[in-house]
Amino acid sequence: DPVVGGSRLQVGDEIFVTTKNGKVAYSVISSRTYDRDDLRSVPELWSARPGQLVLVTCLFDTEQRSIAKNVVIYARLLPPESS
């Protein structure tokens, strides 16, 4: 069951999110791959933490079929740039 990639994001990469109040930046602090059935039991995935962004994505095999694994990206809010 060959898997295509995982996350292309690396620790330190920035993720930008546009909100009604403007654009905010997050820095990737880690990424992990989990079996889909295990996601419910990952406490850091479900705990609300101010300034943290958690992205959950699906993985696909080489035939572009979804497989039972997810990549989770954890990122922290960066301070706004001062002008």
N, C-alpha and C. Protein backbone atom coordinates (compact mmCIF):
# COMPACT_ATOMS: atom_id res chain seq x y z
N ASP A 1 0.84 -1.18 0.00
CA ASP A 1 0.00 0.00 0.00
C ASP A 1 0.88 1.25 0.00
N PRO A 2 1.50 1.58 -1.14
CA PRO A 2 2.41 2.73 -1.17
C PRO A 2 1.67 4.04 -0.92
N VAL A 3 2.24 4.85 -0.06
CA VAL A 3 1.64 6.13 0.29
C VAL A 3 2.38 7.23 -0.45
N VAL A 4 1.63 8.18 -0.96
CA VAL A 4 2.23 9.33 -1.61
C VAL A 4 2.55 10.36 -0.54
N GLY A 5 3.84 10.61 -0.35
CA GLY A 5 4.30 11.66 0.54
C GLY A 5 3.79 11.55 1.96
N GLY A 6 3.71 12.61 2.57
CA GLY A 6 3.24 12.85 3.91
C GLY A 6 3.06 14.34 3.91
N SER A 7 3.63 15.01 4.84
CA SER A 7 3.56 16.46 4.82
C SER A 7 4.78 17.03 4.12
N ARG A 8 4.56 18.02 3.30
CA ARG A 8 5.69 18.75 2.70
C ARG A 8 6.12 19.90 3.59
N LEU A 9 5.30 20.20 4.60
CA LEU A 9 5.66 21.26 5.54
C LEU A 9 6.74 20.76 6.48
N GLN A 10 7.68 21.62 6.76
CA GLN A 10 8.79 21.31 7.65
C GLN A 10 8.70 22.21 8.88
N VAL A 11 9.32 21.79 9.96
CA VAL A 11 9.39 22.62 11.16
C VAL A 11 9.97 23.98 10.77
N GLY A 12 9.30 25.04 11.20
CA GLY A 12 9.74 26.39 10.89
C GLY A 12 9.04 27.01 9.70
N ASP A 13 8.42 26.20 8.84
CA ASP A 13 7.65 26.75 7.72
C ASP A 13 6.50 27.58 8.27
N GLU A 14 6.09 28.58 7.51
CA GLU A 14 4.99 29.44 7.95
C GLU A 14 3.71 29.09 7.21
N ILE A 15 2.60 29.18 7.94
CA ILE A 15 1.26 29.00 7.39
C ILE A 15 0.52 30.31 7.63
N PHE A 16 -0.11 30.84 6.60
CA PHE A 16 -0.84 32.09 6.72
C PHE A 16 -2.34 31.82 6.65
N VAL A 17 -3.07 32.43 7.59
CA VAL A 17 -4.52 32.28 7.66
C VAL A 17 -5.12 33.67 7.58
N THR A 18 -6.09 33.83 6.67
CA THR A 18 -6.77 35.12 6.54
C THR A 18 -8.07 35.08 7.33
N THR A 19 -8.22 36.05 8.21
CA THR A 19 -9.42 36.16 9.04
C THR A 19 -10.11 37.48 8.72
N LYS A 20 -11.25 37.72 9.34
CA LYS A 20 -11.95 38.99 9.12
C LYS A 20 -11.13 40.17 9.64
N ASN A 21 -10.17 39.90 10.52
CA ASN A 21 -9.32 40.96 11.08
C ASN A 21 -7.97 41.06 10.39
N GLY A 22 -7.77 40.31 9.31
CA GLY A 22 -6.50 40.36 8.59
C GLY A 22 -5.81 39.01 8.55
N LYS A 23 -4.58 39.03 8.09
CA LYS A 23 -3.81 37.80 7.94
C LYS A 23 -2.95 37.56 9.18
N VAL A 24 -2.93 36.31 9.64
CA VAL A 24 -2.07 35.93 10.76
C VAL A 24 -1.15 34.80 10.31
N ALA A 25 0.01 34.72 10.95
CA ALA A 25 1.01 33.73 10.57
C ALA A 25 1.25 32.75 11.71
N TYR A 26 1.43 31.49 11.34
CA TYR A 26 1.75 30.42 12.27
C TYR A 26 3.04 29.76 11.81
N SER A 27 3.81 29.24 12.74
CA SER A 27 5.03 28.52 12.43
C SER A 27 4.84 27.04 12.78
N VAL A 28 5.18 26.17 11.82
CA VAL A 28 5.03 24.73 12.04
C VAL A 28 6.01 24.30 13.13
N ILE A 29 5.47 23.58 14.14
CA ILE A 29 6.34 23.08 15.21
C ILE A 29 6.51 21.56 15.12
N SER A 30 5.56 20.86 14.47
CA SER A 30 5.72 19.42 14.27
C SER A 30 4.65 18.90 13.33
N SER A 31 4.89 17.71 12.80
CA SER A 31 3.87 17.00 12.04
C SER A 31 3.98 15.52 12.38
N ARG A 32 2.84 14.87 12.42
CA ARG A 32 2.81 13.45 12.76
C ARG A 32 1.79 12.75 11.88
N THR A 33 2.01 11.47 11.65
CA THR A 33 1.06 10.64 10.92
C THR A 33 0.41 9.68 11.91
N TYR A 34 -0.91 9.61 11.85
CA TYR A 34 -1.68 8.75 12.74
C TYR A 34 -2.58 7.84 11.93
N ASP A 35 -2.86 6.66 12.44
CA ASP A 35 -3.93 5.84 11.89
C ASP A 35 -5.23 6.57 12.17
N ARG A 36 -6.11 6.60 11.19
CA ARG A 36 -7.37 7.34 11.33
C ARG A 36 -8.14 6.91 12.58
N ASP A 37 -8.15 5.64 12.89
CA ASP A 37 -8.89 5.15 14.06
C ASP A 37 -8.29 5.61 15.38
N ASP A 38 -7.05 6.06 15.36
CA ASP A 38 -6.37 6.50 16.59
C ASP A 38 -6.56 7.99 16.88
N LEU A 39 -7.11 8.76 15.93
CA LEU A 39 -7.21 10.21 16.11
C LEU A 39 -7.99 10.60 17.37
N ARG A 40 -9.03 9.87 17.69
CA ARG A 40 -9.84 10.22 18.87
C ARG A 40 -9.05 10.15 20.17
N SER A 41 -8.00 9.35 20.18
CA SER A 41 -7.25 9.15 21.43
C SER A 41 -5.96 9.98 21.51
N VAL A 42 -5.83 10.99 20.67
CA VAL A 42 -4.64 11.85 20.68
C VAL A 42 -5.00 13.15 21.42
N PRO A 43 -4.63 13.26 22.71
CA PRO A 43 -5.08 14.41 23.51
C PRO A 43 -4.64 15.76 22.96
N GLU A 44 -3.42 15.88 22.46
CA GLU A 44 -2.96 17.19 21.97
C GLU A 44 -3.70 17.63 20.73
N LEU A 45 -4.35 16.71 20.06
CA LEU A 45 -5.14 17.06 18.88
C LEU A 45 -6.45 17.74 19.29
N TRP A 46 -7.00 17.37 20.41
CA TRP A 46 -8.32 17.85 20.82
C TRP A 46 -8.29 18.90 21.93
N SER A 47 -7.14 19.18 22.49
CA SER A 47 -7.10 20.18 23.56
C SER A 47 -6.94 21.57 22.96
N ALA A 48 -7.82 22.47 23.40
CA ALA A 48 -7.76 23.85 22.93
C ALA A 48 -6.59 24.56 23.58
N ARG A 49 -5.74 25.14 22.76
CA ARG A 49 -4.59 25.90 23.28
C ARG A 49 -4.53 27.22 22.53
N PRO A 50 -4.64 28.33 23.25
CA PRO A 50 -4.56 29.63 22.58
C PRO A 50 -3.27 29.74 21.76
N GLY A 51 -3.42 30.24 20.55
CA GLY A 51 -2.26 30.45 19.69
C GLY A 51 -1.79 29.22 18.94
N GLN A 52 -2.54 28.12 19.03
CA GLN A 52 -2.14 26.90 18.32
C GLN A 52 -3.08 26.64 17.15
N LEU A 53 -2.51 26.23 16.04
CA LEU A 53 -3.26 25.81 14.86
C LEU A 53 -2.98 24.34 14.64
N VAL A 54 -4.04 23.56 14.42
CA VAL A 54 -3.90 22.13 14.15
C VAL A 54 -4.60 21.85 12.83
N LEU A 55 -3.87 21.31 11.86
CA LEU A 55 -4.42 20.95 10.56
C LEU A 55 -4.42 19.43 10.44
N VAL A 56 -5.54 18.86 10.04
CA VAL A 56 -5.66 17.42 9.85
C VAL A 56 -5.95 17.16 8.38
N THR A 57 -5.13 16.34 7.74
CA THR A 57 -5.32 16.03 6.33
C THR A 57 -5.36 14.52 6.12
N CYS A 58 -5.90 14.13 4.99
CA CYS A 58 -5.96 12.71 4.61
C CYS A 58 -4.74 12.36 3.78
N LEU A 59 -4.35 11.10 3.82
CA LEU A 59 -3.30 10.59 2.94
C LEU A 59 -3.93 9.75 1.84
N PHE A 60 -3.24 9.67 0.72
CA PHE A 60 -3.72 8.91 -0.43
C PHE A 60 -2.64 7.97 -0.91
N ASP A 61 -3.04 6.87 -1.53
CA ASP A 61 -2.06 5.96 -2.12
C ASP A 61 -1.71 6.44 -3.52
N THR A 62 -0.88 5.70 -4.22
CA THR A 62 -0.42 6.12 -5.55
C THR A 62 -1.54 6.11 -6.59
N GLU A 63 -2.67 5.49 -6.27
CA GLU A 63 -3.84 5.49 -7.16
C GLU A 63 -4.83 6.60 -6.79
N GLN A 64 -4.41 7.51 -5.90
CA GLN A 64 -5.24 8.62 -5.43
C GLN A 64 -6.46 8.18 -4.62
N ARG A 65 -6.35 7.03 -3.97
CA ARG A 65 -7.41 6.55 -3.08
C ARG A 65 -7.03 6.91 -1.65
N SER A 66 -8.00 7.40 -0.91
CA SER A 66 -7.77 7.74 0.49
C SER A 66 -7.42 6.47 1.27
N ILE A 67 -6.45 6.58 2.16
CA ILE A 67 -6.07 5.46 3.01
C ILE A 67 -6.40 5.81 4.45
N ALA A 68 -6.30 4.86 5.33
CA ALA A 68 -6.73 5.04 6.72
C ALA A 68 -5.66 5.69 7.59
N LYS A 69 -5.01 6.72 7.06
CA LYS A 69 -4.01 7.47 7.82
C LYS A 69 -4.25 8.95 7.60
N ASN A 70 -3.87 9.74 8.60
CA ASN A 70 -3.98 11.18 8.53
C ASN A 70 -2.66 11.82 8.94
N VAL A 71 -2.34 12.92 8.30
CA VAL A 71 -1.21 13.74 8.72
C VAL A 71 -1.78 14.90 9.53
N VAL A 72 -1.18 15.16 10.68
CA VAL A 72 -1.59 16.27 11.53
C VAL A 72 -0.41 17.22 11.65
N ILE A 73 -0.67 18.49 11.32
CA ILE A 73 0.34 19.55 11.41
C ILE A 73 0.01 20.40 12.63
N TYR A 74 0.99 20.62 13.48
CA TYR A 74 0.84 21.49 14.65
C TYR A 74 1.66 22.75 14.40
N ALA A 75 1.02 23.92 14.63
CA ALA A 75 1.73 25.18 14.42
C ALA A 75 1.36 26.16 15.54
N ARG A 76 2.27 27.11 15.79
CA ARG A 76 2.01 28.13 16.82
C ARG A 76 1.93 29.51 16.18
N LEU A 77 1.11 30.33 16.77
CA LEU A 77 0.89 31.68 16.29
C LEU A 77 2.17 32.50 16.42
N LEU A 78 2.52 33.21 15.37
CA LEU A 78 3.67 34.11 15.41
C LEU A 78 3.21 35.49 15.83
N PRO A 79 4.06 36.24 16.50
CA PRO A 79 3.66 37.61 16.87
C PRO A 79 3.49 38.45 15.61
N PRO A 80 2.57 39.41 15.64
CA PRO A 80 2.39 40.27 14.47
C PRO A 80 3.66 41.05 14.18
N GLU A 81 3.92 41.27 12.91
CA GLU A 81 5.09 42.06 12.53
C GLU A 81 4.81 43.52 12.84
N SER A 82 5.76 44.17 13.43
CA SER A 82 5.56 45.59 13.72
C SER A 82 5.96 46.41 12.51
N SER A 83 5.21 47.48 12.27
CA SER A 83 5.47 48.32 11.10
C SER A 83 6.46 49.40 11.40
